[in-house]
Amino acid sequence: MKKILPAIIISLMSSFAYATPASFHMTTTDGKSITAVETADGVKFKEFGNKGTILVFFGNKCPPCMKEVPELIKLQNKYSSKVGIIGIEVQGYTPAQLKAFKTQKNINYNLISGNKYDGFVSYIAQRAGWSGAIPLLIGIDKKGEVQVVQAGYIPESSLNTIVENITK
């Protein structure tokens, strides 16, 4: 009995030392599942496998955000084999409104309603120290490590550089 008790205590202590990483299951406007899993230095999107990820928080009433949409469409066309793009709308569109927005703008990348997944939005805000300024771009490399966090409009040339850096 004396040998079993220390083993049980060590086992219990080690289970508390290694908390389970946060995991978020979301659905895009196209009905695709996206799973985000916390990493030590960021977040990994399972569906993108060995690709980098561009995560953009945007709003439907934000002029710089709307200016960035065509740039992201071009980026998706150019780098679809190297990077996955996720846009999360944070100004209150319902999933149905966001789906109509995607159709209207001919968006070819993944869109998710922040309204529906506010837990994920809050999680990112906390980890990134984000106060809500949009657009906000987070560039994540193949290992799930955040390489870039930038608020404000990003021109196409800078987006290309970001993709090259996160897909090395």
Protein backbone atom coordinates (compact mmCIF):
# COMPACT_ATOMS: atom_id res chain seq x y z
CA MET A 1 0.00 0.00 0.00
CA LYS A 2 2.88 2.40 0.81
CA LYS A 3 4.24 2.04 -2.75
CA ILE A 4 0.86 2.49 -4.45
CA LEU A 5 -0.09 5.78 -2.73
CA PRO A 6 2.91 7.80 -4.05
CA ALA A 7 2.26 6.47 -7.55
CA ILE A 8 -1.37 7.60 -7.38
CA ILE A 9 -0.38 11.06 -6.08
CA ILE A 10 2.24 11.50 -8.84
CA SER A 11 -0.28 10.38 -11.45
CA LEU A 12 -2.88 12.87 -10.22
CA MET A 13 -0.37 15.70 -10.04
CA SER A 14 0.86 15.09 -13.59
CA SER A 15 -2.69 15.09 -14.94
CA PHE A 16 -3.17 18.61 -13.52
CA ALA A 17 0.16 19.82 -14.88
CA TYR A 18 -0.81 19.11 -18.49
CA ALA A 19 -4.11 20.83 -19.22
CA THR A 20 -5.95 19.75 -22.33
CA PRO A 21 -5.42 22.25 -25.17
CA ALA A 22 -8.43 24.34 -26.11
CA SER A 23 -10.28 23.02 -29.14
CA PHE A 24 -12.97 24.74 -31.20
CA HIS A 25 -15.26 23.14 -33.77
CA MET A 26 -16.81 25.57 -36.24
CA THR A 27 -18.78 25.40 -39.47
CA THR A 28 -18.20 27.64 -42.48
CA THR A 29 -20.91 29.26 -44.58
CA ASP A 30 -20.38 26.35 -47.02
CA GLY A 31 -21.07 23.74 -44.32
CA LYS A 32 -17.42 22.68 -43.97
CA SER A 33 -16.16 21.75 -40.51
CA ILE A 34 -13.11 23.58 -39.22
CA THR A 35 -11.36 22.49 -36.05
CA ALA A 36 -8.95 24.83 -34.31
CA VAL A 37 -6.67 23.32 -31.68
CA GLU A 38 -4.51 25.36 -29.35
CA THR A 39 -0.74 25.00 -29.69
CA ALA A 40 1.92 26.38 -27.37
CA ASP A 41 2.55 29.33 -29.70
CA GLY A 42 -0.75 29.70 -31.56
CA VAL A 43 -3.45 27.55 -33.06
CA LYS A 44 -3.52 24.76 -35.66
CA PHE A 45 -6.42 24.19 -38.05
CA LYS A 46 -6.69 20.44 -38.61
CA GLU A 47 -8.37 20.68 -42.00
CA PHE A 48 -5.43 22.59 -43.48
CA GLY A 49 -2.93 19.84 -42.72
CA ASN A 50 0.57 21.03 -43.59
CA LYS A 51 -0.51 24.46 -44.86
CA GLY A 52 -0.08 27.88 -43.32
CA THR A 53 -3.19 29.74 -42.23
CA ILE A 54 -4.35 33.31 -42.68
CA LEU A 55 -7.00 34.12 -40.08
CA VAL A 56 -8.75 37.45 -40.68
CA PHE A 57 -11.26 39.11 -38.39
CA PHE A 58 -13.37 41.56 -40.38
CA GLY A 59 -16.64 43.44 -40.37
CA ASN A 60 -19.29 43.91 -43.02
CA LYS A 61 -19.47 47.67 -42.27
CA CYS A 62 -15.69 48.25 -42.20
CA PRO A 63 -14.31 50.04 -45.31
CA PRO A 64 -10.72 48.74 -44.89
CA CYS A 65 -12.12 45.23 -44.41
CA MET A 66 -14.12 45.47 -47.63
CA LYS A 67 -11.04 46.77 -49.45
CA GLU A 68 -9.13 43.69 -48.28
CA VAL A 69 -11.70 41.14 -49.55
CA PRO A 70 -10.54 41.24 -53.23
CA GLU A 71 -6.91 40.94 -52.05
CA LEU A 72 -7.77 37.81 -50.06
CA ILE A 73 -9.64 36.35 -53.04
CA LYS A 74 -6.50 36.82 -55.18
CA LEU A 75 -4.37 35.32 -52.42
CA GLN A 76 -6.59 32.24 -52.23
CA ASN A 77 -6.41 31.81 -56.01
CA LYS A 78 -2.63 32.13 -56.03
CA TYR A 79 -1.71 30.09 -52.94
CA SER A 80 -4.54 27.58 -52.37
CA SER A 81 -2.07 24.68 -52.25
CA LYS A 82 0.07 26.42 -49.59
CA VAL A 83 -2.33 28.32 -47.34
CA GLY A 84 -5.85 28.17 -45.96
CA ILE A 85 -7.74 31.41 -45.40
CA ILE A 86 -10.46 31.88 -42.82
CA GLY A 87 -12.44 35.10 -42.52
CA ILE A 88 -14.41 35.58 -39.32
CA GLU A 89 -17.07 38.30 -39.52
CA VAL A 90 -17.36 40.12 -36.17
CA GLN A 91 -19.92 42.87 -36.77
CA GLY A 92 -23.01 40.77 -36.23
CA TYR A 93 -23.91 39.04 -39.49
CA THR A 94 -25.90 35.88 -38.94
CA PRO A 95 -24.68 32.75 -40.76
CA ALA A 96 -27.40 33.28 -43.41
CA GLN A 97 -26.40 36.92 -43.97
CA LEU A 98 -22.75 35.92 -44.18
CA LYS A 99 -23.54 33.21 -46.73
CA ALA A 100 -25.35 35.78 -48.90
CA PHE A 101 -22.42 38.19 -48.47
CA LYS A 102 -20.01 35.46 -49.63
CA THR A 103 -22.08 34.84 -52.75
CA GLN A 104 -22.46 38.55 -53.50
CA LYS A 105 -18.71 39.20 -53.22
CA ASN A 106 -17.66 35.92 -54.95
CA ILE A 107 -15.50 35.00 -51.96
CA ASN A 108 -13.51 31.80 -52.50
CA TYR A 109 -12.13 31.34 -48.97
CA ASN A 110 -13.72 30.07 -45.76
CA LEU A 111 -16.09 32.38 -43.90
CA ILE A 112 -17.31 31.86 -40.34
CA SER A 113 -19.84 33.88 -38.37
CA GLY A 114 -18.19 35.33 -35.29
CA ASN A 115 -21.71 35.77 -33.94
CA LYS A 116 -22.12 32.00 -33.82
CA TYR A 117 -18.61 31.24 -32.51
CA ASP A 118 -18.02 34.04 -30.03
CA GLY A 119 -16.14 31.60 -27.77
CA PHE A 120 -13.42 31.26 -30.41
CA VAL A 121 -13.39 35.01 -31.03
CA SER A 122 -12.99 35.64 -27.28
CA TYR A 123 -10.25 33.01 -27.06
CA ILE A 124 -8.26 34.69 -29.87
CA ALA A 125 -8.85 38.14 -28.37
CA GLN A 126 -7.44 36.97 -25.05
CA ARG A 127 -4.41 35.17 -26.52
CA ALA A 128 -3.56 37.95 -28.99
CA GLY A 129 -4.34 40.86 -26.68
CA TRP A 130 -6.81 42.03 -29.34
CA SER A 131 -9.03 44.96 -28.44
CA GLY A 132 -11.36 44.60 -31.43
CA ALA A 133 -9.68 46.75 -34.13
CA ILE A 134 -10.51 45.37 -37.59
CA PRO A 135 -9.40 44.10 -39.93
CA LEU A 136 -7.07 41.94 -37.89
CA LEU A 137 -4.86 39.41 -39.67
CA ILE A 138 -3.10 36.56 -37.91
CA GLY A 139 -0.56 34.60 -39.96
CA ILE A 140 0.04 31.09 -38.64
CA ASP A 141 2.75 28.77 -39.94
CA LYS A 142 2.48 25.04 -40.71
CA LYS A 143 3.29 24.11 -37.09
CA GLY A 144 0.50 26.28 -35.69
CA GLU A 145 2.84 29.02 -34.51
CA VAL A 146 1.69 32.62 -34.89
CA GLN A 147 4.16 34.53 -37.04
CA VAL A 148 2.22 37.74 -37.75
CA VAL A 149 -0.47 39.73 -35.96
CA GLN A 150 -1.40 42.92 -37.76
CA ALA A 151 -4.38 45.24 -37.51
CA GLY A 152 -5.46 47.41 -40.43
CA TYR A 153 -5.64 47.01 -44.18
CA ILE A 154 -2.80 44.97 -45.68
CA PRO A 155 -2.03 45.46 -49.41
CA GLU A 156 -1.57 42.53 -51.75
CA SER A 157 2.23 42.79 -51.86
CA SER A 158 2.44 42.50 -48.07
CA LEU A 159 -0.05 39.64 -48.04
CA ASN A 160 2.16 37.76 -50.52
CA THR A 161 5.16 38.27 -48.22
CA ILE A 162 3.19 37.01 -45.22
CA VAL A 163 2.17 33.86 -47.12
CA GLU A 164 5.74 33.19 -48.17
CA ASN A 165 6.89 33.53 -44.54
CA ILE A 166 4.25 31.23 -43.04
CA THR A 167 4.62 28.50 -45.66
CA LYS A 168 8.41 27.99 -45.52
